[in-house]
Amino acid sequence: MTLKLVISKKPFDVMITGEKREEFRVPSKWIESRLFDKKGNPREYEFIQFTNGYGKDRPTFTAKYKGFTKEHNIKREYSNGLKLEGNEFYVISYHF
């Protein structure tokens, strides 16, 4: 099974270079429905597919899904100017 997530250009750009190796998602009903089954157990995925935006000719890449954690007080900065800061995130790990 493959977890499919849409991301914007700045995160996509640093993910395909290998600089950013985790996806950060603010807790919400939507992401929790992807990460947990109806009983509250973590869903099992083999792969994760990232798509840059919406539309017909959008770039994508697929990587090996490595699970997720819930973390607090996250602060990251990347070479292309992308900054990420927040109190609570689901941190989704993957590798090529």
PDB file of N, CA and C in Angstrom:
ATOM      1  N   MET A   1       0.846  -1.170   0.000  1.00  0.00           N
ATOM      2  CA  MET A   1       0.000   0.000   0.000  1.00  0.00           C
ATOM      3  C   MET A   1       0.896   1.238   0.000  1.00  0.00           C
ATOM      4  N   THR A   2       0.422   2.302  -0.639  1.00  0.00           N
ATOM      5  CA  THR A   2       1.202   3.529  -0.782  1.00  0.00           C
ATOM      6  C   THR A   2       0.451   4.709  -0.162  1.00  0.00           C
ATOM      7  N   LEU A   3       1.117   5.442   0.702  1.00  0.00           N
ATOM      8  CA  LEU A   3       0.592   6.686   1.259  1.00  0.00           C
ATOM      9  C   LEU A   3       0.865   7.782   0.243  1.00  0.00           C
ATOM     10  N   LYS A   4      -0.162   8.520  -0.156  1.00  0.00           N
ATOM     11  CA  LYS A   4      -0.003   9.568  -1.161  1.00  0.00           C
ATOM     12  C   LYS A   4      -0.229  10.922  -0.525  1.00  0.00           C
ATOM     13  N   LEU A   5       0.776  11.810  -0.680  1.00  0.00           N
ATOM     14  CA  LEU A   5       0.701  13.151  -0.117  1.00  0.00           C
ATOM     15  C   LEU A   5       1.051  14.194  -1.174  1.00  0.00           C
ATOM     16  N   VAL A   6       0.333  15.292  -1.148  1.00  0.00           N
ATOM     17  CA  VAL A   6       0.613  16.427  -2.029  1.00  0.00           C
ATOM     18  C   VAL A   6       1.411  17.445  -1.232  1.00  0.00           C
ATOM     19  N   ILE A   7       2.475  17.953  -1.844  1.00  0.00           N
ATOM     20  CA  ILE A   7       3.313  18.953  -1.188  1.00  0.00           C
ATOM     21  C   ILE A   7       3.566  20.110  -2.154  1.00  0.00           C
ATOM     22  N   SER A   8       4.009  21.229  -1.618  1.00  0.00           N
ATOM     23  CA  SER A   8       4.294  22.394  -2.452  1.00  0.00           C
ATOM     24  C   SER A   8       5.736  22.341  -2.984  1.00  0.00           C
ATOM     25  N   LYS A   9       6.076  23.304  -3.829  1.00  0.00           N
ATOM     26  CA  LYS A   9       7.343  23.289  -4.552  1.00  0.00           C
ATOM     27  C   LYS A   9       8.575  23.342  -3.652  1.00  0.00           C
ATOM     28  N   LYS A  10       8.614  24.249  -2.682  1.00  0.00           N
ATOM     29  CA  LYS A  10       9.823  24.372  -1.839  1.00  0.00           C
ATOM     30  C   LYS A  10      10.149  23.079  -1.089  1.00  0.00           C
ATOM     31  N   PRO A  11       9.193  22.461  -0.417  1.00  0.00           N
ATOM     32  CA  PRO A  11       9.512  21.176   0.219  1.00  0.00           C
ATOM     33  C   PRO A  11       9.909  20.107  -0.802  1.00  0.00           C
ATOM     34  N   PHE A  12       9.194  20.050  -1.922  1.00  0.00           N
ATOM     35  CA  PHE A  12       9.498  19.059  -2.956  1.00  0.00           C
ATOM     36  C   PHE A  12      10.936  19.194  -3.437  1.00  0.00           C
ATOM     37  N   ASP A  13      11.380  20.429  -3.676  1.00  0.00           N
ATOM     38  CA  ASP A  13      12.734  20.671  -4.192  1.00  0.00           C
ATOM     39  C   ASP A  13      13.827  20.158  -3.263  1.00  0.00           C
ATOM     40  N   VAL A  14      13.677  20.347  -1.955  1.00  0.00           N
ATOM     41  CA  VAL A  14      14.719  19.870  -1.028  1.00  0.00           C
ATOM     42  C   VAL A  14      14.555  18.392  -0.670  1.00  0.00           C
ATOM     43  N   MET A  15      13.392  17.847  -0.956  1.00  0.00           N
ATOM     44  CA  MET A  15      13.201  16.415  -0.734  1.00  0.00           C
ATOM     45  C   MET A  15      13.866  15.607  -1.844  1.00  0.00           C
ATOM     46  N   ILE A  16      13.735  16.031  -3.091  1.00  0.00           N
ATOM     47  CA  ILE A  16      14.317  15.250  -4.192  1.00  0.00           C
ATOM     48  C   ILE A  16      15.839  15.304  -4.190  1.00  0.00           C
ATOM     49  N   THR A  17      16.434  16.316  -3.538  1.00  0.00           N
ATOM     50  CA  THR A  17      17.899  16.370  -3.427  1.00  0.00           C
ATOM     51  C   THR A  17      18.400  15.526  -2.258  1.00  0.00           C
ATOM     52  N   GLY A  18      17.478  15.114  -1.364  1.00  0.00           N
ATOM     53  CA  GLY A  18      17.869  14.334  -0.195  1.00  0.00           C
ATOM     54  C   GLY A  18      18.153  15.178   1.033  1.00  0.00           C
ATOM     55  N   GLU A  19      18.075  16.492   0.906  1.00  0.00           N
ATOM     56  CA  GLU A  19      18.336  17.362   2.063  1.00  0.00           C
ATOM     57  C   GLU A  19      17.242  17.223   3.128  1.00  0.00           C
ATOM     58  N   LYS A  20      16.000  17.187   2.708  1.00  0.00           N
ATOM     59  CA  LYS A  20      14.865  17.037   3.626  1.00  0.00           C
ATOM     60  C   LYS A  20      14.403  15.585   3.523  1.00  0.00           C
ATOM     61  N   ARG A  21      14.497  14.847   4.615  1.00  0.00           N
ATOM     62  CA  ARG A  21      14.181  13.415   4.605  1.00  0.00           C
ATOM     63  C   ARG A  21      12.972  13.055   5.456  1.00  0.00           C
ATOM     64  N   GLU A  22      12.209  14.054   5.828  1.00  0.00           N
ATOM     65  CA  GLU A  22      10.999  13.841   6.619  1.00  0.00           C
ATOM     66  C   GLU A  22       9.927  14.814   6.126  1.00  0.00           C
ATOM     67  N   GLU A  23       8.686  14.390   6.226  1.00  0.00           N
ATOM     68  CA  GLU A  23       7.571  15.275   5.917  1.00  0.00           C
ATOM     69  C   GLU A  23       6.871  15.602   7.228  1.00  0.00           C
ATOM     70  N   PHE A  24       6.549  16.859   7.422  1.00  0.00           N
ATOM     71  CA  PHE A  24       5.945  17.336   8.654  1.00  0.00           C
ATOM     72  C   PHE A  24       4.498  17.718   8.388  1.00  0.00           C
ATOM     73  N   ARG A  25       3.591  17.176   9.169  1.00  0.00           N
ATOM     74  CA  ARG A  25       2.169  17.474   9.026  1.00  0.00           C
ATOM     75  C   ARG A  25       1.574  17.858  10.373  1.00  0.00           C
ATOM     76  N   VAL A  26       0.883  18.988  10.410  1.00  0.00           N
ATOM     77  CA  VAL A  26       0.177  19.425  11.608  1.00  0.00           C
ATOM     78  C   VAL A  26      -0.955  18.428  11.866  1.00  0.00           C
ATOM     79  N   PRO A  27      -1.143  18.011  13.107  1.00  0.00           N
ATOM     80  CA  PRO A  27      -2.224  17.076  13.402  1.00  0.00           C
ATOM     81  C   PRO A  27      -3.582  17.624  12.935  1.00  0.00           C
ATOM     82  N   SER A  28      -4.307  16.801  12.211  1.00  0.00           N
ATOM     83  CA  SER A  28      -5.645  17.150  11.732  1.00  0.00           C
ATOM     84  C   SER A  28      -6.388  15.845  11.487  1.00  0.00           C
ATOM     85  N   LYS A  29      -7.694  15.933  11.363  1.00  0.00           N
ATOM     86  CA  LYS A  29      -8.484  14.729  11.090  1.00  0.00           C
ATOM     87  C   LYS A  29      -8.054  14.098   9.770  1.00  0.00           C
ATOM     88  N   TRP A  30      -7.718  14.928   8.773  1.00  0.00           N
ATOM     89  CA  TRP A  30      -7.353  14.412   7.460  1.00  0.00           C
ATOM     90  C   TRP A  30      -6.084  13.557   7.537  1.00  0.00           C
ATOM     91  N   ILE A  31      -4.998  14.102   8.112  1.00  0.00           N
ATOM     92  CA  ILE A  31      -3.739  13.336   8.140  1.00  0.00           C
ATOM     93  C   ILE A  31      -3.874  12.136   9.073  1.00  0.00           C
ATOM     94  N   GLU A  32      -4.617  12.284  10.149  1.00  0.00           N
ATOM     95  CA  GLU A  32      -4.814  11.152  11.056  1.00  0.00           C
ATOM     96  C   GLU A  32      -5.590  10.030  10.383  1.00  0.00           C
ATOM     97  N   SER A  33      -6.500  10.369   9.460  1.00  0.00           N
ATOM     98  CA  SER A  33      -7.222   9.326   8.730  1.00  0.00           C
ATOM     99  C   SER A  33      -6.296   8.569   7.785  1.00  0.00           C
ATOM    100  N   ARG A  34      -5.192   9.183   7.397  1.00  0.00           N
ATOM    101  CA  ARG A  34      -4.202   8.514   6.551  1.00  0.00           C
ATOM    102  C   ARG A  34      -3.204   7.691   7.368  1.00  0.00           C
ATOM    103  N   LEU A  35      -2.927   8.158   8.583  1.00  0.00           N
ATOM    104  CA  LEU A  35      -1.907   7.503   9.407  1.00  0.00           C
ATOM    105  C   LEU A  35      -2.464   6.411  10.318  1.00  0.00           C
ATOM    106  N   PHE A  36      -3.756   6.502  10.676  1.00  0.00           N
ATOM    107  CA  PHE A  36      -4.351   5.555  11.616  1.00  0.00           C
ATOM    108  C   PHE A  36      -5.595   4.911  11.011  1.00  0.00           C
ATOM    109  N   ASP A  37      -5.858   3.650  11.394  1.00  0.00           N
ATOM    110  CA  ASP A  37      -7.110   3.022  10.980  1.00  0.00           C
ATOM    111  C   ASP A  37      -8.229   3.477  11.928  1.00  0.00           C
ATOM    112  N   LYS A  38      -9.435   2.969  11.733  1.00  0.00           N
ATOM    113  CA  LYS A  38     -10.591   3.402  12.527  1.00  0.00           C
ATOM    114  C   LYS A  38     -10.499   3.001  13.992  1.00  0.00           C
ATOM    115  N   LYS A  39      -9.640   2.028  14.292  1.00  0.00           N
ATOM    116  CA  LYS A  39      -9.443   1.605  15.682  1.00  0.00           C
ATOM    117  C   LYS A  39      -8.310   2.382  16.361  1.00  0.00           C
ATOM    118  N   GLY A  40      -7.641   3.274  15.624  1.00  0.00           N
ATOM    119  CA  GLY A  40      -6.556   4.062  16.196  1.00  0.00           C
ATOM    120  C   GLY A  40      -5.189   3.420  16.069  1.00  0.00           C
ATOM    121  N   ASN A  41      -5.099   2.327  15.322  1.00  0.00           N
ATOM    122  CA  ASN A  41      -3.813   1.662  15.103  1.00  0.00           C
ATOM    123  C   ASN A  41      -3.096   2.301  13.906  1.00  0.00           C
ATOM    124  N   PRO A  42      -1.779   2.405  13.953  1.00  0.00           N
ATOM    125  CA  PRO A  42      -1.053   2.963  12.803  1.00  0.00           C
ATOM    126  C   PRO A  42      -1.273   2.107  11.553  1.00  0.00           C
ATOM    127  N   ARG A  43      -1.518   2.769  10.439  1.00  0.00           N
ATOM    128  CA  ARG A  43      -1.653   2.066   9.160  1.00  0.00           C
ATOM    129  C   ARG A  43      -0.274   1.622   8.691  1.00  0.00           C
ATOM    130  N   GLU A  44      -0.236   0.545   7.953  1.00  0.00           N
ATOM    131  CA  GLU A  44       1.023   0.044   7.407  1.00  0.00           C
ATOM    132  C   GLU A  44       1.104   0.382   5.924  1.00  0.00           C
ATOM    133  N   TYR A  45       2.192   1.030   5.553  1.00  0.00           N
ATOM    134  CA  TYR A  45       2.457   1.369   4.156  1.00  0.00           C
ATOM    135  C   TYR A  45       3.816   0.815   3.770  1.00  0.00           C
ATOM    136  N   GLU A  46       3.960   0.493   2.512  1.00  0.00           N
ATOM    137  CA  GLU A  46       5.263   0.080   1.995  1.00  0.00           C
ATOM    138  C   GLU A  46       5.995   1.274   1.388  1.00  0.00           C
ATOM    139  N   PHE A  47       5.233   2.139   0.713  1.00  0.00           N
ATOM    140  CA  PHE A  47       5.815   3.293   0.026  1.00  0.00           C
ATOM    141  C   PHE A  47       5.055   4.559   0.367  1.00  0.00           C
ATOM    142  N   ILE A  48       5.698   5.680   0.068  1.00  0.00           N
ATOM    143  CA  ILE A  48       5.061   6.983   0.174  1.00  0.00           C
ATOM    144  C   ILE A  48       5.320   7.720  -1.133  1.00  0.00           C
ATOM    145  N   GLN A  49       4.257   8.273  -1.699  1.00  0.00           N
ATOM    146  CA  GLN A  49       4.381   9.001  -2.962  1.00  0.00           C
ATOM    147  C   GLN A  49       4.109  10.476  -2.689  1.00  0.00           C
ATOM    148  N   PHE A  50       5.067  11.315  -3.058  1.00  0.00           N
ATOM    149  CA  PHE A  50       4.930  12.757  -2.911  1.00  0.00           C
ATOM    150  C   PHE A  50       4.660  13.362  -4.279  1.00  0.00           C
ATOM    151  N   THR A  51       3.657  14.215  -4.345  1.00  0.00           N
ATOM    152  CA  THR A  51       3.297  14.893  -5.578  1.00  0.00           C
ATOM    153  C   THR A  51       3.412  16.386  -5.354  1.00  0.00           C
ATOM    154  N   ASN A  52       4.069  17.075  -6.294  1.00  0.00           N
ATOM    155  CA  ASN A  52       4.251  18.522  -6.199  1.00  0.00           C
ATOM    156  C   ASN A  52       3.045  19.224  -6.806  1.00  0.00           C
ATOM    157  N   GLY A  53       2.114  19.601  -5.951  1.00  0.00           N
ATOM    158  CA  GLY A  53       0.949  20.359  -6.377  1.00  0.00           C
ATOM    159  C   GLY A  53      -0.132  19.510  -7.014  1.00  0.00           C
ATOM    160  N   TYR A  54      -1.057  20.213  -7.663  1.00  0.00           N
ATOM    161  CA  TYR A  54      -2.205  19.571  -8.288  1.00  0.00           C
ATOM    162  C   TYR A  54      -2.143  19.825  -9.789  1.00  0.00           C
ATOM    163  N   GLY A  55      -2.781  19.012 -10.556  1.00  0.00           N
ATOM    164  CA  GLY A  55      -2.831  19.205 -11.996  1.00  0.00           C
ATOM    165  C   GLY A  55      -2.345  17.985 -12.738  1.00  0.00           C
ATOM    166  N   LYS A  56      -2.417  18.080 -14.050  1.00  0.00           N
ATOM    167  CA  LYS A  56      -2.138  16.940 -14.911  1.00  0.00           C
ATOM    168  C   LYS A  56      -0.653  16.576 -15.002  1.00  0.00           C
ATOM    169  N   ASP A  57       0.214  17.543 -15.152  1.00  0.00           N
ATOM    170  CA  ASP A  57       1.643  17.294 -15.382  1.00  0.00           C
ATOM    171  C   ASP A  57       2.488  17.624 -14.160  1.00  0.00           C
ATOM    172  N   ARG A  58       2.109  17.126 -13.044  1.00  0.00           N
ATOM    173  CA  ARG A  58       2.816  17.443 -11.800  1.00  0.00           C
ATOM    174  C   ARG A  58       3.926  16.428 -11.534  1.00  0.00           C
ATOM    175  N   PRO A  59       5.076  16.886 -11.043  1.00  0.00           N
ATOM    176  CA  PRO A  59       6.151  15.937 -10.732  1.00  0.00           C
ATOM    177  C   PRO A  59       5.846  15.146  -9.461  1.00  0.00           C
ATOM    178  N   THR A  60       6.324  13.906  -9.435  1.00  0.00           N
ATOM    179  CA  THR A  60       6.146  13.045  -8.265  1.00  0.00           C
ATOM    180  C   THR A  60       7.421  12.252  -8.020  1.00  0.00           C
ATOM    181  N   PHE A  61       7.543  11.733  -6.819  1.00  0.00           N
ATOM    182  CA  PHE A  61       8.557  10.726  -6.534  1.00  0.00           C
ATOM    183  C   PHE A  61       8.010   9.788  -5.472  1.00  0.00           C
ATOM    184  N   THR A  62       8.506   8.583  -5.497  1.00  0.00           N
ATOM    185  CA  THR A  62       8.083   7.555  -4.546  1.00  0.00           C
ATOM    186  C   THR A  62       9.299   7.078  -3.772  1.00  0.00           C
ATOM    187  N   ALA A  63       9.121   6.900  -2.475  1.00  0.00           N
ATOM    188  CA  ALA A  63      10.209   6.462  -1.604  1.00  0.00           C
ATOM    189  C   ALA A  63       9.682   5.372  -0.665  1.00  0.00           C
ATOM    190  N   LYS A  64      10.584   4.725   0.024  1.00  0.00           N
ATOM    191  CA  LYS A  64      10.244   3.691   1.004  1.00  0.00           C
ATOM    192  C   LYS A  64       9.717   4.370   2.272  1.00  0.00           C
ATOM    193  N   TYR A  65       8.541   3.986   2.696  1.00  0.00           N
ATOM    194  CA  TYR A  65       7.920   4.525   3.904  1.00  0.00           C
ATOM    195  C   TYR A  65       8.604   3.933   5.137  1.00  0.00           C
ATOM    196  N   LYS A  66       8.986   4.788   6.084  1.00  0.00           N
ATOM    197  CA  LYS A  66       9.685   4.337   7.281  1.00  0.00           C
ATOM    198  C   LYS A  66       8.918   4.596   8.579  1.00  0.00           C
ATOM    199  N   GLY A  67       7.645   4.999   8.471  1.00  0.00           N
ATOM    200  CA  GLY A  67       6.841   5.226   9.668  1.00  0.00           C
ATOM    201  C   GLY A  67       6.764   6.686  10.059  1.00  0.00           C
ATOM    202  N   PHE A  68       6.175   6.926  11.224  1.00  0.00           N
ATOM    203  CA  PHE A  68       6.003   8.306  11.686  1.00  0.00           C
ATOM    204  C   PHE A  68       6.075   8.373  13.203  1.00  0.00           C
ATOM    205  N   THR A  69       6.314   9.575  13.680  1.00  0.00           N
ATOM    206  CA  THR A  69       6.280   9.876  15.106  1.00  0.00           C
ATOM    207  C   THR A  69       5.510  11.174  15.289  1.00  0.00           C
ATOM    208  N   LYS A  70       5.141  11.475  16.495  1.00  0.00           N
ATOM    209  CA  LYS A  70       4.529  12.762  16.821  1.00  0.00           C
ATOM    210  C   LYS A  70       5.555  13.517  17.649  1.00  0.00           C
ATOM    211  N   GLU A  71       5.952  14.687  17.171  1.00  0.00           N
ATOM    212  CA  GLU A  71       7.014  15.448  17.834  1.00  0.00           C
ATOM    213  C   GLU A  71       6.557  16.870  18.132  1.00  0.00           C
ATOM    214  N   HIS A  72       7.247  17.477  19.087  1.00  0.00           N
ATOM    215  CA  HIS A  72       6.897  18.822  19.556  1.00  0.00           C
ATOM    216  C   HIS A  72       8.079  19.773  19.377  1.00  0.00           C
ATOM    217  N   ASN A  73       7.754  21.054  19.280  1.00  0.00           N
ATOM    218  CA  ASN A  73       8.745  22.129  19.196  1.00  0.00           C
ATOM    219  C   ASN A  73       9.763  21.890  18.088  1.00  0.00           C
ATOM    220  N   ILE A  74       9.276  21.807  16.879  1.00  0.00           N
ATOM    221  CA  ILE A  74      10.105  21.562  15.699  1.00  0.00           C
ATOM    222  C   ILE A  74      10.538  22.888  15.099  1.00  0.00           C
ATOM    223  N   LYS A  75      11.804  22.969  14.725  1.00  0.00           N
ATOM    224  CA  LYS A  75      12.326  24.134  14.016  1.00  0.00           C
ATOM    225  C   LYS A  75      13.378  23.639  13.027  1.00  0.00           C
ATOM    226  N   ARG A  76      13.116  23.841  11.718  1.00  0.00           N
ATOM    227  CA  ARG A  76      14.036  23.416  10.666  1.00  0.00           C
ATOM    228  C   ARG A  76      14.178  24.538   9.637  1.00  0.00           C
ATOM    229  N   GLU A  77      15.335  24.594   9.029  1.00  0.00           N
ATOM    230  CA  GLU A  77      15.580  25.544   7.953  1.00  0.00           C
ATOM    231  C   GLU A  77      16.390  24.837   6.877  1.00  0.00           C
ATOM    232  N   TYR A  78      16.028  25.064   5.618  1.00  0.00           N
ATOM    233  CA  TYR A  78      16.649  24.368   4.495  1.00  0.00           C
ATOM    234  C   TYR A  78      17.331  25.347   3.543  1.00  0.00           C
ATOM    235  N   SER A  79      18.193  24.820   2.694  1.00  0.00           N
ATOM    236  CA  SER A  79      19.039  25.648   1.827  1.00  0.00           C
ATOM    237  C   SER A  79      18.268  26.527   0.848  1.00  0.00           C
ATOM    238  N   ASN A  80      17.048  26.150   0.482  1.00  0.00           N
ATOM    239  CA  ASN A  80      16.277  26.952  -0.465  1.00  0.00           C
ATOM    240  C   ASN A  80      15.398  28.001   0.217  1.00  0.00           C
ATOM    241  N   GLY A  81      15.603  28.209   1.526  1.00  0.00           N
ATOM    242  CA  GLY A  81      14.844  29.213   2.258  1.00  0.00           C
ATOM    243  C   GLY A  81      13.607  28.677   2.958  1.00  0.00           C
ATOM    244  N   LEU A  82      13.284  27.420   2.744  1.00  0.00           N
ATOM    245  CA  LEU A  82      12.139  26.820   3.416  1.00  0.00           C
ATOM    246  C   LEU A  82      12.393  26.796   4.921  1.00  0.00           C
ATOM    247  N   LYS A  83      11.427  27.317   5.675  1.00  0.00           N
ATOM    248  CA  LYS A  83      11.519  27.303   7.136  1.00  0.00           C
ATOM    249  C   LYS A  83      10.289  26.608   7.682  1.00  0.00           C
ATOM    250  N   LEU A  84      10.511  25.794   8.681  1.00  0.00           N
ATOM    251  CA  LEU A  84       9.438  25.034   9.303  1.00  0.00           C
ATOM    252  C   LEU A  84       9.557  25.202  10.805  1.00  0.00           C
ATOM    253  N   GLU A  85       8.479  25.645  11.425  1.00  0.00           N
ATOM    254  CA  GLU A  85       8.499  25.838  12.865  1.00  0.00           C
ATOM    255  C   GLU A  85       7.094  25.624  13.402  1.00  0.00           C
ATOM    256  N   GLY A  86       6.988  24.901  14.506  1.00  0.00           N
ATOM    257  CA  GLY A  86       5.684  24.686  15.103  1.00  0.00           C
ATOM    258  C   GLY A  86       5.759  23.876  16.368  1.00  0.00           C
ATOM    259  N   ASN A  87       4.654  23.837  17.066  1.00  0.00           N
ATOM    260  CA  ASN A  87       4.598  23.162  18.360  1.00  0.00           C
ATOM    261  C   ASN A  87       4.369  21.669  18.269  1.00  0.00           C
ATOM    262  N   GLU A  88       3.612  21.217  17.252  1.00  0.00           N
ATOM    263  CA  GLU A  88       3.277  19.799  17.199  1.00  0.00           C
ATOM    264  C   GLU A  88       3.121  19.352  15.741  1.00  0.00           C
ATOM    265  N   PHE A  89       3.796  18.254  15.405  1.00  0.00           N
ATOM    266  CA  PHE A  89       3.746  17.719  14.051  1.00  0.00           C
ATOM    267  C   PHE A  89       3.759  16.196  14.082  1.00  0.00           C
ATOM    268  N   TYR A  90       3.144  15.595  13.069  1.00  0.00           N
ATOM    269  CA  TYR A  90       3.440  14.212  12.739  1.00  0.00           C
ATOM    270  C   TYR A  90       4.647  14.276  11.809  1.00  0.00           C
ATOM    271  N   VAL A  91       5.688  13.545  12.139  1.00  0.00           N
ATOM    272  CA  VAL A  91       6.910  13.526  11.342  1.00  0.00           C
ATOM    273  C   VAL A  91       6.953  12.184  10.618  1.00  0.00           C
ATOM    274  N   ILE A  92       6.798  12.242   9.294  1.00  0.00           N
ATOM    275  CA  ILE A  92       6.720  11.046   8.460  1.00  0.00           C
ATOM    276  C   ILE A  92       8.076  10.817   7.819  1.00  0.00           C
ATOM    277  N   SER A  93       8.674   9.672   8.070  1.00  0.00           N
ATOM    278  CA  SER A  93      10.024   9.369   7.583  1.00  0.00           C
ATOM    279  C   SER A  93       9.982   8.499   6.338  1.00  0.00           C
ATOM    280  N   TYR A  94      10.985   8.668   5.486  1.00  0.00           N
ATOM    281  CA  TYR A  94      11.090   7.889   4.258  1.00  0.00           C
ATOM    282  C   TYR A  94      12.557   7.845   3.841  1.00  0.00           C
ATOM    283  N   HIS A  95      12.891   6.957   2.900  1.00  0.00           N
ATOM    284  CA  HIS A  95      14.215   6.989   2.282  1.00  0.00           C
ATOM    285  C   HIS A  95      14.113   6.431   0.867  1.00  0.00           C
ATOM    286  N   PHE A  96      15.047   6.886   0.058  1.00  0.00           N
ATOM    287  CA  PHE A  96      15.078   6.484  -1.367  1.00  0.00           C
ATOM    288  C   PHE A  96      15.710   5.127  -1.511  1.00  0.00           C
TER     289      PHE A  96
END
